[in-house]
């Protein structure tokens, strides 16, 4: 139960980070705070439940779909930019999860197994470190975007390079 709640809370924080990332480049739609909170919890619950199945490909598809729907619901942007923002956010999320496993493997000399990751304290540490890495990456993107004189526009070269990825 603790793992489910932590995973669900992490999903909510990741949606908040996606909101922060996308708001750098797109204008937000007007929504009440109650509607926002409802969308946050419902949209984060779906991938959390799918995550319990432990099917990586399905997790990736649902994650990108979640970010895509979220971008379409909360921002005034075209569908291809919403898809680009969702791909960027999922890329950041995947990178942060991989980085956490690499850090733990380096700390324990590669002696990791599923029993190690099933411990609640290790799982909470992994989720927290992953969120910290994601936040750092998004803050770097924000710093780069601010150097562009606060334009609310997606750079064309960013879209061309990141969309195929």
C-alpha atoms as a PDB file:
ATOM      1  CA  UNK A   1       0.000   0.000   0.000  1.00  0.00           C
ATOM      2  CA  UNK A   2       2.857   2.372   0.783  1.00  0.00           C
ATOM      3  CA  UNK A   3       4.430   1.704  -2.595  1.00  0.00           C
ATOM      4  CA  UNK A   4       1.150   2.425  -4.384  1.00  0.00           C
ATOM      5  CA  UNK A   5       0.658   5.725  -2.537  1.00  0.00           C
ATOM      6  CA  UNK A   6       4.247   6.815  -3.145  1.00  0.00           C
ATOM      7  CA  UNK A   7       3.985   5.919  -6.838  1.00  0.00           C
ATOM      8  CA  UNK A   8       0.709   7.800  -7.132  1.00  0.00           C
ATOM      9  CA  UNK A   9       2.182  10.834  -5.351  1.00  0.00           C
ATOM     10  CA  UNK A  10       5.165  10.705  -7.685  1.00  0.00           C
ATOM     11  CA  UNK A  11       2.774  10.669 -10.638  1.00  0.00           C
ATOM     12  CA  UNK A  12       1.076  13.810  -9.341  1.00  0.00           C
ATOM     13  CA  UNK A  13       4.434  15.556  -8.905  1.00  0.00           C
ATOM     14  CA  UNK A  14       5.493  14.501 -12.423  1.00  0.00           C
ATOM     15  CA  UNK A  15       2.305  16.018 -13.828  1.00  0.00           C
ATOM     16  CA  UNK A  16       3.086  19.215 -11.936  1.00  0.00           C
ATOM     17  CA  UNK A  17       6.592  19.195 -13.455  1.00  0.00           C
ATOM     18  CA  UNK A  18       5.019  18.663 -16.889  1.00  0.00           C
ATOM     19  CA  UNK A  19       2.735  21.634 -16.223  1.00  0.00           C
ATOM     20  CA  UNK A  20       5.778  23.706 -15.293  1.00  0.00           C
ATOM     21  CA  UNK A  21       7.754  22.590 -18.366  1.00  0.00           C
ATOM     22  CA  UNK A  22       4.945  23.159 -20.836  1.00  0.00           C
ATOM     23  CA  UNK A  23       4.049  26.542 -19.345  1.00  0.00           C
ATOM     24  CA  UNK A  24       7.499  27.758 -20.398  1.00  0.00           C
ATOM     25  CA  UNK A  25       6.517  27.456 -24.064  1.00  0.00           C
ATOM     26  CA  UNK A  26       2.681  27.549 -24.151  1.00  0.00           C
ATOM     27  CA  UNK A  27      -0.116  29.596 -22.606  1.00  0.00           C
ATOM     28  CA  UNK A  28      -2.259  27.927 -19.965  1.00  0.00           C
ATOM     29  CA  UNK A  29      -6.007  27.529 -20.329  1.00  0.00           C
ATOM     30  CA  UNK A  30      -8.154  28.960 -17.597  1.00  0.00           C
ATOM     31  CA  UNK A  31      -9.305  26.187 -15.263  1.00  0.00           C
ATOM     32  CA  UNK A  32     -10.505  26.319 -11.685  1.00  0.00           C
ATOM     33  CA  UNK A  33      -8.243  24.890  -9.020  1.00  0.00           C
ATOM     34  CA  UNK A  34     -10.762  22.173  -8.223  1.00  0.00           C
ATOM     35  CA  UNK A  35     -10.814  21.071 -11.873  1.00  0.00           C
ATOM     36  CA  UNK A  36      -7.014  21.121 -11.991  1.00  0.00           C
ATOM     37  CA  UNK A  37      -6.737  19.028  -8.847  1.00  0.00           C
ATOM     38  CA  UNK A  38      -9.299  16.563 -10.164  1.00  0.00           C
ATOM     39  CA  UNK A  39      -7.434  16.193 -13.478  1.00  0.00           C
ATOM     40  CA  UNK A  40      -4.105  15.801 -11.647  1.00  0.00           C
ATOM     41  CA  UNK A  41      -5.352  12.958  -9.473  1.00  0.00           C
ATOM     42  CA  UNK A  42      -7.335  11.167 -12.173  1.00  0.00           C
ATOM     43  CA  UNK A  43      -4.614  11.439 -14.835  1.00  0.00           C
ATOM     44  CA  UNK A  44      -1.957  10.239 -12.409  1.00  0.00           C
ATOM     45  CA  UNK A  45      -4.075   7.333 -11.158  1.00  0.00           C
ATOM     46  CA  UNK A  46      -4.307   5.639 -14.581  1.00  0.00           C
ATOM     47  CA  UNK A  47      -0.549   5.196 -15.142  1.00  0.00           C
ATOM     48  CA  UNK A  48      -0.107   4.228 -11.495  1.00  0.00           C
ATOM     49  CA  UNK A  49      -2.582   1.378 -11.894  1.00  0.00           C
ATOM     50  CA  UNK A  50      -0.969   0.294 -15.181  1.00  0.00           C
ATOM     51  CA  UNK A  51       2.435   0.429 -13.480  1.00  0.00           C
ATOM     52  CA  UNK A  52       1.240  -2.278 -11.077  1.00  0.00           C
ATOM     53  CA  UNK A  53       1.117  -4.696 -14.039  1.00  0.00           C
ATOM     54  CA  UNK A  54       4.917  -4.384 -14.512  1.00  0.00           C
ATOM     55  CA  UNK A  55       4.779  -4.237 -18.334  1.00  0.00           C
ATOM     56  CA  UNK A  56       7.422  -1.665 -19.430  1.00  0.00           C
ATOM     57  CA  UNK A  57       6.109  -1.064 -22.960  1.00  0.00           C
ATOM     58  CA  UNK A  58       2.580  -0.485 -21.703  1.00  0.00           C
ATOM     59  CA  UNK A  59       3.936   1.856 -19.015  1.00  0.00           C
ATOM     60  CA  UNK A  60       5.724   3.915 -21.683  1.00  0.00           C
ATOM     61  CA  UNK A  61       2.682   4.116 -23.960  1.00  0.00           C
ATOM     62  CA  UNK A  62       0.357   5.101 -21.115  1.00  0.00           C
ATOM     63  CA  UNK A  63       2.909   7.631 -19.791  1.00  0.00           C
ATOM     64  CA  UNK A  64       3.239   9.438 -23.111  1.00  0.00           C
ATOM     65  CA  UNK A  65      -0.540   9.320 -23.638  1.00  0.00           C
ATOM     66  CA  UNK A  66      -1.067  10.752 -20.155  1.00  0.00           C
ATOM     67  CA  UNK A  67       1.279  13.679 -20.806  1.00  0.00           C
ATOM     68  CA  UNK A  68      -0.268  14.243 -24.247  1.00  0.00           C
ATOM     69  CA  UNK A  69      -3.828  14.382 -22.883  1.00  0.00           C
ATOM     70  CA  UNK A  70      -2.655  16.611 -20.051  1.00  0.00           C
ATOM     71  CA  UNK A  71      -1.016  19.062 -22.476  1.00  0.00           C
ATOM     72  CA  UNK A  72      -4.141  19.191 -24.645  1.00  0.00           C
ATOM     73  CA  UNK A  73      -6.427  19.758 -21.652  1.00  0.00           C
ATOM     74  CA  UNK A  74      -4.370  22.418 -19.906  1.00  0.00           C
ATOM     75  CA  UNK A  75      -2.667  24.398 -22.674  1.00  0.00           C
ATOM     76  CA  UNK A  76      -3.663  26.319 -25.772  1.00  0.00           C
ATOM     77  CA  UNK A  77      -1.355  24.574 -28.202  1.00  0.00           C
ATOM     78  CA  UNK A  78      -1.465  22.488 -31.355  1.00  0.00           C
ATOM     79  CA  UNK A  79      -1.543  18.711 -31.062  1.00  0.00           C
ATOM     80  CA  UNK A  80       1.979  18.289 -32.489  1.00  0.00           C
ATOM     81  CA  UNK A  81       3.435  20.648 -29.877  1.00  0.00           C
ATOM     82  CA  UNK A  82       1.491  18.792 -27.193  1.00  0.00           C
ATOM     83  CA  UNK A  83       3.012  15.560 -28.490  1.00  0.00           C
ATOM     84  CA  UNK A  84       6.466  17.171 -28.497  1.00  0.00           C
ATOM     85  CA  UNK A  85       6.072  18.398 -24.907  1.00  0.00           C
ATOM     86  CA  UNK A  86       4.849  14.994 -23.772  1.00  0.00           C
ATOM     87  CA  UNK A  87       7.781  13.251 -25.494  1.00  0.00           C
ATOM     88  CA  UNK A  88      10.248  15.665 -23.881  1.00  0.00           C
ATOM     89  CA  UNK A  89       8.704  15.152 -20.444  1.00  0.00           C
ATOM     90  CA  UNK A  90       8.621  11.374 -20.789  1.00  0.00           C
ATOM     91  CA  UNK A  91      12.235  11.447 -21.991  1.00  0.00           C
ATOM     92  CA  UNK A  92      13.217  13.397 -18.887  1.00  0.00           C
ATOM     93  CA  UNK A  93      11.258  10.947 -16.728  1.00  0.00           C
ATOM     94  CA  UNK A  94      12.881   7.897 -18.348  1.00  0.00           C
ATOM     95  CA  UNK A  95      16.354   9.442 -18.065  1.00  0.00           C
ATOM     96  CA  UNK A  96      15.849  10.170 -14.375  1.00  0.00           C
ATOM     97  CA  UNK A  97      14.717   6.599 -13.665  1.00  0.00           C
ATOM     98  CA  UNK A  98      17.720   5.175 -15.509  1.00  0.00           C
ATOM     99  CA  UNK A  99      20.077   7.565 -13.720  1.00  0.00           C
ATOM    100  CA  UNK A 100      18.782   6.429 -10.327  1.00  0.00           C
ATOM    101  CA  UNK A 101      19.367   2.758 -11.163  1.00  0.00           C
ATOM    102  CA  UNK A 102      22.868   3.568 -12.437  1.00  0.00           C
ATOM    103  CA  UNK A 103      23.669   5.454  -9.218  1.00  0.00           C
ATOM    104  CA  UNK A 104      22.414   2.578  -7.072  1.00  0.00           C
ATOM    105  CA  UNK A 105      24.323   0.028  -9.167  1.00  0.00           C
ATOM    106  CA  UNK A 106      27.505   2.052  -8.685  1.00  0.00           C
ATOM    107  CA  UNK A 107      26.903   2.270  -4.940  1.00  0.00           C
ATOM    108  CA  UNK A 108      26.340  -1.482  -4.566  1.00  0.00           C
ATOM    109  CA  UNK A 109      28.837  -2.687  -7.198  1.00  0.00           C
ATOM    110  CA  UNK A 110      26.104  -4.042  -9.455  1.00  0.00           C
ATOM    111  CA  UNK A 111      24.714  -6.417  -6.807  1.00  0.00           C
ATOM    112  CA  UNK A 112      21.086  -5.363  -7.304  1.00  0.00           C
ATOM    113  CA  UNK A 113      18.073  -7.666  -7.523  1.00  0.00           C
ATOM    114  CA  UNK A 114      14.292  -7.329  -7.357  1.00  0.00           C
ATOM    115  CA  UNK A 115      14.223  -7.982  -3.612  1.00  0.00           C
ATOM    116  CA  UNK A 116      16.430  -4.937  -3.104  1.00  0.00           C
ATOM    117  CA  UNK A 117      14.075  -2.672  -5.091  1.00  0.00           C
ATOM    118  CA  UNK A 118      10.957  -4.067  -3.385  1.00  0.00           C
ATOM    119  CA  UNK A 119      11.963  -2.528  -0.046  1.00  0.00           C
ATOM    120  CA  UNK A 120       9.854   0.521   0.788  1.00  0.00           C
ATOM    121  CA  UNK A 121      12.774   2.717   1.834  1.00  0.00           C
ATOM    122  CA  UNK A 122      14.731   1.991  -1.360  1.00  0.00           C
ATOM    123  CA  UNK A 123      11.663   2.651  -3.498  1.00  0.00           C
ATOM    124  CA  UNK A 124      10.979   5.983  -1.768  1.00  0.00           C
ATOM    125  CA  UNK A 125      14.646   6.951  -2.204  1.00  0.00           C
ATOM    126  CA  UNK A 126      14.529   6.037  -5.903  1.00  0.00           C
ATOM    127  CA  UNK A 127      11.331   8.016  -6.490  1.00  0.00           C
ATOM    128  CA  UNK A 128      12.673  11.068  -4.636  1.00  0.00           C
ATOM    129  CA  UNK A 129      16.012  11.038  -6.427  1.00  0.00           C
ATOM    130  CA  UNK A 130      14.264  10.582  -9.778  1.00  0.00           C
ATOM    131  CA  UNK A 131      12.047  13.599  -9.110  1.00  0.00           C
ATOM    132  CA  UNK A 132      15.079  15.657  -8.098  1.00  0.00           C
ATOM    133  CA  UNK A 133      16.875  14.747 -11.333  1.00  0.00           C
ATOM    134  CA  UNK A 134      13.745  15.583 -13.356  1.00  0.00           C
ATOM    135  CA  UNK A 135      13.398  18.927 -11.606  1.00  0.00           C
ATOM    136  CA  UNK A 136      17.039  19.725 -12.327  1.00  0.00           C
ATOM    137  CA  UNK A 137      16.625  18.930 -16.028  1.00  0.00           C
ATOM    138  CA  UNK A 138      13.486  21.071 -16.267  1.00  0.00           C
ATOM    139  CA  UNK A 139      15.201  23.971 -14.501  1.00  0.00           C
ATOM    140  CA  UNK A 140      18.034  23.738 -17.054  1.00  0.00           C
ATOM    141  CA  UNK A 141      15.498  23.893 -19.889  1.00  0.00           C
ATOM    142  CA  UNK A 142      13.866  26.885 -18.193  1.00  0.00           C
ATOM    143  CA  UNK A 143      17.222  28.666 -17.877  1.00  0.00           C
ATOM    144  CA  UNK A 144      17.923  28.082 -21.565  1.00  0.00           C
ATOM    145  CA  UNK A 145      14.446  29.339 -22.494  1.00  0.00           C
ATOM    146  CA  UNK A 146      14.894  32.501 -20.410  1.00  0.00           C
ATOM    147  CA  UNK A 147      18.032  33.350 -22.357  1.00  0.00           C
ATOM    148  CA  UNK A 148      15.816  33.483 -25.420  1.00  0.00           C
ATOM    149  CA  UNK A 149      14.268  36.717 -24.069  1.00  0.00           C
ATOM    150  CA  UNK A 150      11.141  35.159 -22.551  1.00  0.00           C
ATOM    151  CA  UNK A 151       9.589  34.139 -25.849  1.00  0.00           C
ATOM    152  CA  UNK A 152       6.534  31.899 -25.495  1.00  0.00           C
ATOM    153  CA  UNK A 153       7.519  30.007 -28.594  1.00  0.00           C
ATOM    154  CA  UNK A 154       8.993  26.592 -29.196  1.00  0.00           C
ATOM    155  CA  UNK A 155      12.296  26.915 -31.043  1.00  0.00           C
ATOM    156  CA  UNK A 156      12.010  25.202 -34.417  1.00  0.00           C
ATOM    157  CA  UNK A 157      15.374  23.468 -34.065  1.00  0.00           C
ATOM    158  CA  UNK A 158      14.233  21.970 -30.718  1.00  0.00           C
ATOM    159  CA  UNK A 159      11.124  20.560 -32.375  1.00  0.00           C
ATOM    160  CA  UNK A 160      13.066  19.149 -35.328  1.00  0.00           C
ATOM    161  CA  UNK A 161      15.682  17.473 -33.144  1.00  0.00           C
ATOM    162  CA  UNK A 162      13.488  16.174 -30.313  1.00  0.00           C
ATOM    163  CA  UNK A 163      10.369  15.054 -32.153  1.00  0.00           C
ATOM    164  CA  UNK A 164      11.938  11.933 -33.754  1.00  0.00           C
ATOM    165  CA  UNK A 165      13.512  10.983 -30.410  1.00  0.00           C
END
